[in-house]
Amino acid sequence: MKKLVLDAAMVPGLTGMSLAQTGPTAHDNATVSASVVAALTCTSTSPLDFGTVVQGQTKVVSPTAAAPTGGSVGAFTVRGTSNANVIFTFSAPTNLTDAASDNLPFTVATPVYNPTSNTNTTGTTAFSSSGGGTMAMPAATLYIFIGGTVDASGSPNPPTGSYSGAYTLTVQYQ
């Protein structure tokens, strides 16, 4: 008499199946949930512009003062979910450059935010954004203001011309 021996791997559908019950089973249900928040948006609404800078001088644009003549305070509008924890990171160059790659030293000031209006001269709060400052958004819309300093007093003075650079504000939910 011949015996038929089957290997479970040879029979489709049997792999991983148990052919014998070993006793009672138990089960339970778990809840699945998600909290949907508004998408974050970060929009530059005004460039940081120092206007005219005279050779041999330093010029400051304060994030909490009126803009200089011919210049502007840098500004962003951030929209998201009120009271949600967000991480703000800010990156800026240490020099502005001209078309010939000459450098104009640049230092960014501590940014400020206003949760109630798009004005930088009253109602602002400073925050640290270096390395990823975290905060709960005090409102669904935040107005962020950026200032800084350019130094045209170096030796030798930087050549005349137009200097520029780019700075970036990044916002993400924590």
N, C-alpha and C. Protein backbone atom coordinates (compact mmCIF):
# COMPACT_ATOMS: atom_id res chain seq x y z
N MET A 1 0.84 -1.17 0.00
CA MET A 1 0.00 0.00 0.00
C MET A 1 0.89 1.25 0.00
N LYS A 2 0.52 2.22 -0.78
CA LYS A 2 1.29 3.46 -0.88
C LYS A 2 0.65 4.51 0.01
N LYS A 3 1.52 5.30 0.67
CA LYS A 3 1.06 6.44 1.48
C LYS A 3 1.33 7.73 0.71
N LEU A 4 0.38 8.62 0.77
CA LEU A 4 0.53 9.92 0.14
C LEU A 4 0.94 10.92 1.21
N VAL A 5 2.06 11.57 1.03
CA VAL A 5 2.55 12.57 1.97
C VAL A 5 2.51 13.92 1.25
N LEU A 6 1.83 14.87 1.86
CA LEU A 6 1.72 16.20 1.27
C LEU A 6 2.54 17.20 2.09
N ASP A 7 3.26 18.00 1.42
CA ASP A 7 3.97 19.12 2.04
C ASP A 7 3.04 20.33 1.90
N ALA A 8 2.77 21.06 3.00
CA ALA A 8 1.83 22.18 2.97
C ALA A 8 2.26 23.24 1.97
N ALA A 9 3.56 23.39 1.75
CA ALA A 9 4.04 24.39 0.79
C ALA A 9 3.68 24.02 -0.63
N MET A 10 3.39 22.73 -0.87
CA MET A 10 3.08 22.27 -2.22
C MET A 10 1.60 22.46 -2.56
N VAL A 11 0.78 22.66 -1.56
CA VAL A 11 -0.66 22.77 -1.82
C VAL A 11 -1.07 24.24 -1.67
N PRO A 12 -1.52 24.85 -2.76
CA PRO A 12 -1.90 26.26 -2.68
C PRO A 12 -2.99 26.48 -1.63
N GLY A 13 -2.81 27.55 -0.85
CA GLY A 13 -3.80 27.90 0.16
C GLY A 13 -3.56 27.28 1.51
N LEU A 14 -2.66 26.33 1.63
CA LEU A 14 -2.41 25.70 2.93
C LEU A 14 -1.26 26.35 3.69
N THR A 15 -0.43 27.11 3.02
CA THR A 15 0.71 27.72 3.68
C THR A 15 0.22 28.65 4.78
N GLY A 16 0.72 28.48 5.98
CA GLY A 16 0.37 29.32 7.11
C GLY A 16 -0.95 28.95 7.76
N MET A 17 -1.64 27.94 7.29
CA MET A 17 -2.91 27.54 7.88
C MET A 17 -2.68 26.48 8.94
N SER A 18 -3.48 26.55 9.93
CA SER A 18 -3.44 25.52 10.96
C SER A 18 -4.58 24.55 10.67
N LEU A 19 -4.28 23.28 10.63
CA LEU A 19 -5.29 22.29 10.30
C LEU A 19 -6.05 21.79 11.52
N ALA A 20 -5.54 22.09 12.70
CA ALA A 20 -6.20 21.60 13.91
C ALA A 20 -6.45 22.76 14.85
N GLN A 21 -7.62 22.79 15.47
CA GLN A 21 -7.93 23.79 16.47
C GLN A 21 -7.29 23.36 17.78
N THR A 22 -6.72 24.35 18.52
CA THR A 22 -6.07 24.00 19.78
C THR A 22 -6.88 24.41 20.99
N GLY A 23 -7.99 25.07 20.81
CA GLY A 23 -8.80 25.47 21.95
C GLY A 23 -9.57 26.73 21.65
N PRO A 24 -10.22 27.30 22.67
CA PRO A 24 -11.01 28.50 22.46
C PRO A 24 -10.13 29.69 22.05
N THR A 25 -10.71 30.63 21.35
CA THR A 25 -10.00 31.85 20.94
C THR A 25 -10.64 33.06 21.62
N ALA A 26 -9.92 34.15 21.62
CA ALA A 26 -10.42 35.39 22.19
C ALA A 26 -10.17 36.51 21.20
N HIS A 27 -10.98 37.52 21.25
CA HIS A 27 -10.78 38.68 20.38
C HIS A 27 -11.37 39.91 21.06
N ASP A 28 -10.96 41.06 20.53
CA ASP A 28 -11.48 42.33 21.03
C ASP A 28 -11.39 43.34 19.89
N ASN A 29 -12.09 44.43 20.01
CA ASN A 29 -12.05 45.51 19.03
C ASN A 29 -11.27 46.68 19.60
N ALA A 30 -10.59 47.41 18.74
CA ALA A 30 -9.88 48.62 19.14
C ALA A 30 -10.41 49.77 18.29
N THR A 31 -10.37 50.97 18.84
CA THR A 31 -10.85 52.15 18.14
C THR A 31 -9.73 52.74 17.28
N VAL A 32 -10.07 53.16 16.11
CA VAL A 32 -9.15 53.87 15.21
C VAL A 32 -9.65 55.30 15.12
N SER A 33 -8.73 56.26 15.30
CA SER A 33 -9.14 57.66 15.24
C SER A 33 -8.08 58.51 14.56
N ALA A 34 -8.48 59.67 14.13
CA ALA A 34 -7.57 60.63 13.51
C ALA A 34 -8.09 62.03 13.80
N SER A 35 -7.18 62.95 13.94
CA SER A 35 -7.55 64.35 14.13
C SER A 35 -7.03 65.12 12.92
N VAL A 36 -7.92 65.68 12.16
CA VAL A 36 -7.55 66.41 10.95
C VAL A 36 -7.45 67.89 11.30
N VAL A 37 -6.33 68.50 10.92
CA VAL A 37 -6.11 69.93 11.16
C VAL A 37 -5.97 70.63 9.82
N ALA A 38 -6.14 71.93 9.85
CA ALA A 38 -5.99 72.72 8.63
C ALA A 38 -4.55 72.62 8.11
N ALA A 39 -4.41 72.60 6.82
CA ALA A 39 -3.07 72.58 6.22
C ALA A 39 -2.34 73.88 6.60
N LEU A 40 -1.05 73.74 6.88
CA LEU A 40 -0.24 74.93 7.17
C LEU A 40 0.12 75.63 5.88
N THR A 41 0.04 76.94 5.89
CA THR A 41 0.55 77.73 4.78
C THR A 41 1.49 78.79 5.34
N CYS A 42 2.51 79.10 4.60
CA CYS A 42 3.49 80.11 4.98
C CYS A 42 3.75 80.95 3.74
N THR A 43 3.35 82.22 3.79
CA THR A 43 3.44 83.08 2.62
C THR A 43 4.25 84.33 2.94
N SER A 44 5.28 84.59 2.13
CA SER A 44 6.04 85.83 2.27
C SER A 44 5.18 86.97 1.75
N THR A 45 4.95 87.98 2.61
CA THR A 45 4.10 89.10 2.21
C THR A 45 4.87 90.40 2.02
N SER A 46 6.14 90.42 2.46
CA SER A 46 6.96 91.61 2.28
C SER A 46 8.43 91.20 2.37
N PRO A 47 9.27 91.66 1.44
CA PRO A 47 10.69 91.33 1.53
C PRO A 47 11.37 92.18 2.62
N LEU A 48 12.47 91.69 3.13
CA LEU A 48 13.30 92.49 4.01
C LEU A 48 14.18 93.35 3.10
N ASP A 49 13.98 94.65 3.13
CA ASP A 49 14.66 95.56 2.22
C ASP A 49 15.28 96.69 3.03
N PHE A 50 16.60 96.83 2.95
CA PHE A 50 17.31 97.86 3.70
C PHE A 50 17.30 99.20 3.00
N GLY A 51 16.80 99.25 1.78
CA GLY A 51 16.82 100.51 1.03
C GLY A 51 18.26 100.88 0.70
N THR A 52 18.58 102.16 0.74
CA THR A 52 19.92 102.64 0.42
C THR A 52 20.82 102.52 1.64
N VAL A 53 21.99 101.92 1.43
CA VAL A 53 22.99 101.78 2.49
C VAL A 53 24.25 102.50 2.02
N VAL A 54 24.76 103.42 2.81
CA VAL A 54 25.93 104.22 2.45
C VAL A 54 27.19 103.46 2.83
N GLN A 55 28.18 103.45 1.91
CA GLN A 55 29.47 102.82 2.23
C GLN A 55 30.01 103.40 3.52
N GLY A 56 30.60 102.54 4.33
CA GLY A 56 31.18 102.97 5.60
C GLY A 56 30.18 102.99 6.75
N GLN A 57 28.93 102.61 6.50
CA GLN A 57 27.92 102.65 7.55
C GLN A 57 27.24 101.29 7.72
N THR A 58 26.59 101.14 8.86
CA THR A 58 25.78 99.97 9.17
C THR A 58 24.33 100.42 9.17
N LYS A 59 23.45 99.57 8.66
CA LYS A 59 22.03 99.92 8.65
C LYS A 59 21.23 98.80 9.29
N VAL A 60 20.29 99.19 10.15
CA VAL A 60 19.45 98.24 10.89
C VAL A 60 18.00 98.42 10.47
N VAL A 61 17.32 97.29 10.25
CA VAL A 61 15.87 97.27 10.08
C VAL A 61 15.34 96.44 11.24
N SER A 62 14.62 97.09 12.14
CA SER A 62 14.08 96.41 13.31
C SER A 62 12.76 95.72 12.96
N PRO A 63 12.57 94.48 13.43
CA PRO A 63 11.29 93.81 13.15
C PRO A 63 10.12 94.43 13.91
N THR A 64 10.41 95.32 14.88
CA THR A 64 9.34 95.92 15.69
C THR A 64 9.22 97.43 15.50
N ALA A 65 9.82 97.97 14.45
CA ALA A 65 9.75 99.41 14.21
C ALA A 65 9.28 99.68 12.78
N ALA A 66 8.94 100.92 12.53
CA ALA A 66 8.54 101.30 11.18
C ALA A 66 9.70 101.04 10.22
N ALA A 67 9.38 100.69 9.00
CA ALA A 67 10.40 100.41 7.99
C ALA A 67 11.18 101.67 7.65
N PRO A 68 12.46 101.51 7.28
CA PRO A 68 13.24 102.69 6.88
C PRO A 68 12.73 103.24 5.55
N THR A 69 13.04 104.49 5.28
CA THR A 69 12.66 105.12 4.02
C THR A 69 13.23 104.28 2.87
N GLY A 70 12.37 103.93 1.94
CA GLY A 70 12.81 103.15 0.79
C GLY A 70 13.03 101.68 1.09
N GLY A 71 12.69 101.23 2.28
CA GLY A 71 12.90 99.83 2.65
C GLY A 71 11.65 99.21 3.23
N SER A 72 11.80 97.98 3.72
CA SER A 72 10.64 97.31 4.32
C SER A 72 11.10 96.23 5.30
N VAL A 73 10.26 96.00 6.28
CA VAL A 73 10.45 94.90 7.23
C VAL A 73 9.99 93.63 6.53
N GLY A 74 10.74 92.55 6.68
CA GLY A 74 10.32 91.28 6.10
C GLY A 74 9.10 90.76 6.84
N ALA A 75 8.15 90.18 6.10
CA ALA A 75 6.92 89.71 6.74
C ALA A 75 6.43 88.42 6.09
N PHE A 76 5.86 87.56 6.93
CA PHE A 76 5.23 86.32 6.50
C PHE A 76 3.86 86.23 7.15
N THR A 77 2.93 85.56 6.48
CA THR A 77 1.66 85.19 7.08
C THR A 77 1.62 83.67 7.15
N VAL A 78 1.38 83.15 8.36
CA VAL A 78 1.29 81.70 8.57
C VAL A 78 -0.14 81.39 8.98
N ARG A 79 -0.73 80.41 8.30
CA ARG A 79 -2.10 79.98 8.65
C ARG A 79 -2.09 78.49 8.96
N GLY A 80 -2.86 78.13 9.99
CA GLY A 80 -2.94 76.73 10.40
C GLY A 80 -4.07 76.56 11.39
N THR A 81 -3.84 75.72 12.38
CA THR A 81 -4.86 75.43 13.39
C THR A 81 -4.46 76.07 14.70
N SER A 82 -5.36 76.86 15.27
CA SER A 82 -5.12 77.51 16.55
C SER A 82 -4.83 76.47 17.63
N ASN A 83 -3.85 76.75 18.47
CA ASN A 83 -3.40 75.90 19.59
C ASN A 83 -2.67 74.63 19.17
N ALA A 84 -2.45 74.42 17.89
CA ALA A 84 -1.67 73.26 17.44
C ALA A 84 -0.19 73.56 17.64
N ASN A 85 0.58 72.56 18.04
CA ASN A 85 2.02 72.74 18.22
C ASN A 85 2.70 72.76 16.85
N VAL A 86 3.50 73.79 16.64
CA VAL A 86 4.23 73.91 15.38
C VAL A 86 5.70 74.18 15.66
N ILE A 87 6.52 73.82 14.71
CA ILE A 87 7.97 74.06 14.79
C ILE A 87 8.30 75.11 13.72
N PHE A 88 8.95 76.18 14.15
CA PHE A 88 9.39 77.23 13.25
C PHE A 88 10.91 77.11 13.09
N THR A 89 11.40 77.08 11.88
CA THR A 89 12.84 77.16 11.64
C THR A 89 13.08 78.28 10.63
N PHE A 90 14.18 78.95 10.82
CA PHE A 90 14.50 80.11 10.00
C PHE A 90 15.95 79.98 9.56
N SER A 91 16.19 80.14 8.28
CA SER A 91 17.57 80.12 7.79
C SER A 91 17.82 81.37 6.97
N ALA A 92 19.01 81.93 7.15
CA ALA A 92 19.37 83.16 6.44
C ALA A 92 20.87 83.13 6.14
N PRO A 93 21.28 83.79 5.09
CA PRO A 93 22.71 83.84 4.78
C PRO A 93 23.44 84.77 5.75
N THR A 94 24.74 84.63 5.82
CA THR A 94 25.55 85.54 6.64
C THR A 94 26.06 86.71 5.81
N ASN A 95 25.91 86.60 4.50
CA ASN A 95 26.30 87.68 3.59
C ASN A 95 25.26 87.81 2.48
N LEU A 96 25.03 89.05 2.05
CA LEU A 96 24.31 89.30 0.81
C LEU A 96 25.38 89.43 -0.27
N THR A 97 25.06 89.09 -1.49
CA THR A 97 26.07 89.14 -2.56
C THR A 97 25.56 89.97 -3.73
N ASP A 98 26.52 90.51 -4.50
CA ASP A 98 26.18 91.24 -5.71
C ASP A 98 26.49 90.36 -6.91
N ALA A 99 26.32 90.90 -8.12
CA ALA A 99 26.53 90.12 -9.34
C ALA A 99 27.97 89.65 -9.49
N ALA A 100 28.93 90.36 -8.88
CA ALA A 100 30.35 89.98 -8.95
C ALA A 100 30.76 89.09 -7.78
N SER A 101 29.78 88.63 -6.99
CA SER A 101 30.01 87.78 -5.81
C SER A 101 30.72 88.50 -4.67
N ASP A 102 30.64 89.83 -4.64
CA ASP A 102 31.15 90.58 -3.48
C ASP A 102 30.17 90.38 -2.33
N ASN A 103 30.68 90.42 -1.10
CA ASN A 103 29.86 90.16 0.08
C ASN A 103 29.54 91.43 0.86
N LEU A 104 28.31 91.46 1.37
CA LEU A 104 27.87 92.50 2.29
C LEU A 104 27.37 91.75 3.53
N PRO A 105 28.10 91.86 4.67
CA PRO A 105 27.71 91.11 5.87
C PRO A 105 26.28 91.40 6.30
N PHE A 106 25.56 90.33 6.64
CA PHE A 106 24.15 90.41 7.02
C PHE A 106 23.93 89.59 8.29
N THR A 107 23.21 90.18 9.23
CA THR A 107 22.82 89.48 10.46
C THR A 107 21.32 89.63 10.62
N VAL A 108 20.64 88.52 10.87
CA VAL A 108 19.19 88.58 11.05
C VAL A 108 18.87 88.87 12.51
N ALA A 109 17.83 89.67 12.75
CA ALA A 109 17.37 89.97 14.11
C ALA A 109 16.43 88.87 14.57
N THR A 110 16.17 88.81 15.86
CA THR A 110 15.22 87.85 16.39
C THR A 110 13.83 88.14 15.82
N PRO A 111 13.21 87.16 15.16
CA PRO A 111 11.88 87.39 14.59
C PRO A 111 10.84 87.63 15.68
N VAL A 112 9.76 88.30 15.31
CA VAL A 112 8.63 88.53 16.21
C VAL A 112 7.35 88.09 15.51
N TYR A 113 6.32 87.80 16.31
CA TYR A 113 5.03 87.46 15.71
C TYR A 113 3.92 88.25 16.38
N ASN A 114 2.85 88.43 15.63
CA ASN A 114 1.65 89.09 16.13
C ASN A 114 0.47 88.18 15.81
N PRO A 115 -0.26 87.70 16.83
CA PRO A 115 -1.38 86.79 16.56
C PRO A 115 -2.70 87.50 16.25
N THR A 116 -2.72 88.83 16.34
CA THR A 116 -4.00 89.52 16.18
C THR A 116 -4.07 90.47 15.00
N SER A 117 -2.94 90.99 14.54
CA SER A 117 -3.01 91.91 13.40
C SER A 117 -1.71 91.91 12.62
N ASN A 118 -1.82 92.40 11.40
CA ASN A 118 -0.67 92.46 10.51
C ASN A 118 0.12 93.75 10.73
N THR A 119 0.46 94.01 11.99
CA THR A 119 1.28 95.18 12.32
C THR A 119 2.45 94.73 13.18
N ASN A 120 3.60 95.28 12.90
CA ASN A 120 4.80 94.88 13.64
C ASN A 120 5.19 95.86 14.73
N THR A 121 4.50 96.97 14.85
CA THR A 121 4.94 97.99 15.82
C THR A 121 4.28 97.86 17.18
N THR A 122 3.20 97.10 17.31
CA THR A 122 2.56 96.88 18.61
C THR A 122 2.04 95.45 18.68
N GLY A 123 1.99 94.91 19.89
CA GLY A 123 1.40 93.59 20.10
C GLY A 123 2.22 92.42 19.63
N THR A 124 3.54 92.62 19.46
CA THR A 124 4.38 91.52 18.97
C THR A 124 5.08 90.81 20.13
N THR A 125 5.47 89.57 19.87
CA THR A 125 6.22 88.75 20.82
C THR A 125 7.41 88.16 20.09
N ALA A 126 8.59 88.26 20.68
CA ALA A 126 9.79 87.67 20.07
C ALA A 126 9.79 86.17 20.30
N PHE A 127 10.35 85.44 19.35
CA PHE A 127 10.53 84.01 19.54
C PHE A 127 11.83 83.59 18.90
N SER A 128 12.38 82.51 19.41
CA SER A 128 13.62 81.98 18.86
C SER A 128 13.28 80.93 17.83
N SER A 129 13.78 81.11 16.63
CA SER A 129 13.50 80.13 15.58
C SER A 129 14.75 79.36 15.18
N SER A 130 15.87 79.61 15.85
CA SER A 130 17.09 78.90 15.47
C SER A 130 17.01 77.47 15.96
N GLY A 131 17.28 76.56 15.08
CA GLY A 131 17.27 75.14 15.44
C GLY A 131 15.89 74.57 15.66
N GLY A 132 14.85 75.29 15.35
CA GLY A 132 13.51 74.72 15.45
C GLY A 132 12.76 75.10 16.71
N GLY A 133 12.41 76.36 16.87
CA GLY A 133 11.60 76.77 18.00
C GLY A 133 10.20 76.18 17.90
N THR A 134 9.68 75.68 19.03
CA THR A 134 8.36 75.06 19.05
C THR A 134 7.41 75.91 19.87
N MET A 135 6.18 76.06 19.40
CA MET A 135 5.17 76.80 20.15
C MET A 135 3.79 76.34 19.72
N ALA A 136 2.81 76.58 20.57
CA ALA A 136 1.42 76.38 20.19
C ALA A 136 0.97 77.64 19.47
N MET A 137 0.42 77.50 18.30
CA MET A 137 -0.04 78.68 17.56
C MET A 137 -1.13 79.37 18.36
N PRO A 138 -0.90 80.61 18.78
CA PRO A 138 -1.90 81.30 19.60
C PRO A 138 -3.15 81.68 18.82
N ALA A 139 -3.09 81.60 17.51
CA ALA A 139 -4.25 81.92 16.66
C ALA A 139 -4.11 81.14 15.36
N ALA A 140 -5.19 81.06 14.61
CA ALA A 140 -5.14 80.32 13.34
C ALA A 140 -4.30 81.06 12.29
N THR A 141 -4.09 82.36 12.49
CA THR A 141 -3.24 83.15 11.60
C THR A 141 -2.20 83.89 12.44
N LEU A 142 -0.96 83.76 12.05
CA LEU A 142 0.14 84.49 12.70
C LEU A 142 0.82 85.37 11.67
N TYR A 143 1.19 86.56 12.10
CA TYR A 143 1.96 87.47 11.26
C TYR A 143 3.36 87.52 11.84
N ILE A 144 4.36 87.17 11.02
CA ILE A 144 5.74 87.08 11.49
C ILE A 144 6.55 88.15 10.78
N PHE A 145 7.42 88.84 11.57
CA PHE A 145 8.20 89.96 11.04
C PHE A 145 9.68 89.70 11.25
N ILE A 146 10.46 90.04 10.23
CA ILE A 146 11.90 89.78 10.21
C ILE A 146 12.64 91.10 9.99
N GLY A 147 13.69 91.30 10.75
CA GLY A 147 14.56 92.45 10.56
C GLY A 147 16.00 91.98 10.53
N GLY A 148 16.92 92.92 10.51
CA GLY A 148 18.32 92.54 10.51
C GLY A 148 19.24 93.74 10.36
N THR A 149 20.51 93.43 10.14
CA THR A 149 21.54 94.45 10.01
C THR A 149 22.44 94.12 8.82
N VAL A 150 22.76 95.13 8.02
CA VAL A 150 23.80 94.99 7.00
C VAL A 150 24.92 95.94 7.39
N ASP A 151 26.14 95.51 7.11
CA ASP A 151 27.32 96.26 7.54
C ASP A 151 28.19 96.61 6.33
N ALA A 152 28.08 97.86 5.88
CA ALA A 152 28.87 98.33 4.75
C ALA A 152 30.10 99.10 5.23
N SER A 153 30.51 98.87 6.50
CA SER A 153 31.62 99.63 7.06
C SER A 153 32.92 98.84 7.07
N GLY A 154 32.94 97.69 6.42
CA GLY A 154 34.15 96.86 6.42
C GLY A 154 35.31 97.54 5.72
N SER A 155 36.48 96.98 5.90
CA SER A 155 37.68 97.52 5.27
C SER A 155 38.24 96.46 4.33
N PRO A 156 38.25 96.66 3.05
CA PRO A 156 37.73 97.85 2.38
C PRO A 156 36.20 97.82 2.34
N ASN A 157 35.63 99.00 2.08
CA ASN A 157 34.18 99.06 1.96
C ASN A 157 33.72 98.16 0.82
N PRO A 158 32.53 97.57 0.95
CA PRO A 158 32.03 96.76 -0.16
C PRO A 158 31.78 97.64 -1.38
N PRO A 159 32.00 97.10 -2.58
CA PRO A 159 31.75 97.89 -3.79
C PRO A 159 30.29 98.33 -3.88
N THR A 160 30.05 99.43 -4.56
CA THR A 160 28.68 99.88 -4.76
C THR A 160 27.95 98.88 -5.65
N GLY A 161 26.65 98.82 -5.52
CA GLY A 161 25.85 97.91 -6.34
C GLY A 161 24.68 97.35 -5.55
N SER A 162 23.96 96.47 -6.18
CA SER A 162 22.80 95.83 -5.55
C SER A 162 23.20 94.48 -4.98
N TYR A 163 22.88 94.26 -3.71
CA TYR A 163 23.21 93.02 -3.01
C TYR A 163 21.90 92.32 -2.63
N SER A 164 21.92 91.02 -2.67
CA SER A 164 20.70 90.28 -2.29
C SER A 164 21.07 88.91 -1.74
N GLY A 165 20.09 88.28 -1.18
CA GLY A 165 20.20 86.93 -0.64
C GLY A 165 18.79 86.42 -0.40
N ALA A 166 18.67 85.22 0.09
CA ALA A 166 17.35 84.65 0.36
C ALA A 166 17.32 84.11 1.78
N TYR A 167 16.19 84.31 2.44
CA TYR A 167 15.99 83.70 3.76
C TYR A 167 14.71 82.89 3.69
N THR A 168 14.64 81.87 4.54
CA THR A 168 13.52 80.93 4.48
C THR A 168 12.93 80.71 5.86
N LEU A 169 11.62 80.79 5.94
CA LEU A 169 10.88 80.43 7.15
C LEU A 169 10.16 79.13 6.84
N THR A 170 10.38 78.11 7.66
CA THR A 170 9.72 76.82 7.50
C THR A 170 8.86 76.57 8.73
N VAL A 171 7.64 76.14 8.52
CA VAL A 171 6.70 75.86 9.61
C VAL A 171 6.15 74.45 9.39
N GLN A 172 6.15 73.66 10.46
CA GLN A 172 5.55 72.32 10.36
C GLN A 172 4.87 71.94 11.65
N TYR A 173 3.83 71.12 11.55
CA TYR A 173 3.17 70.63 12.75
C TYR A 173 4.11 69.66 13.47
N GLN A 174 4.03 69.69 14.78
CA GLN A 174 4.86 68.79 15.58
C GLN A 174 4.12 67.49 15.78
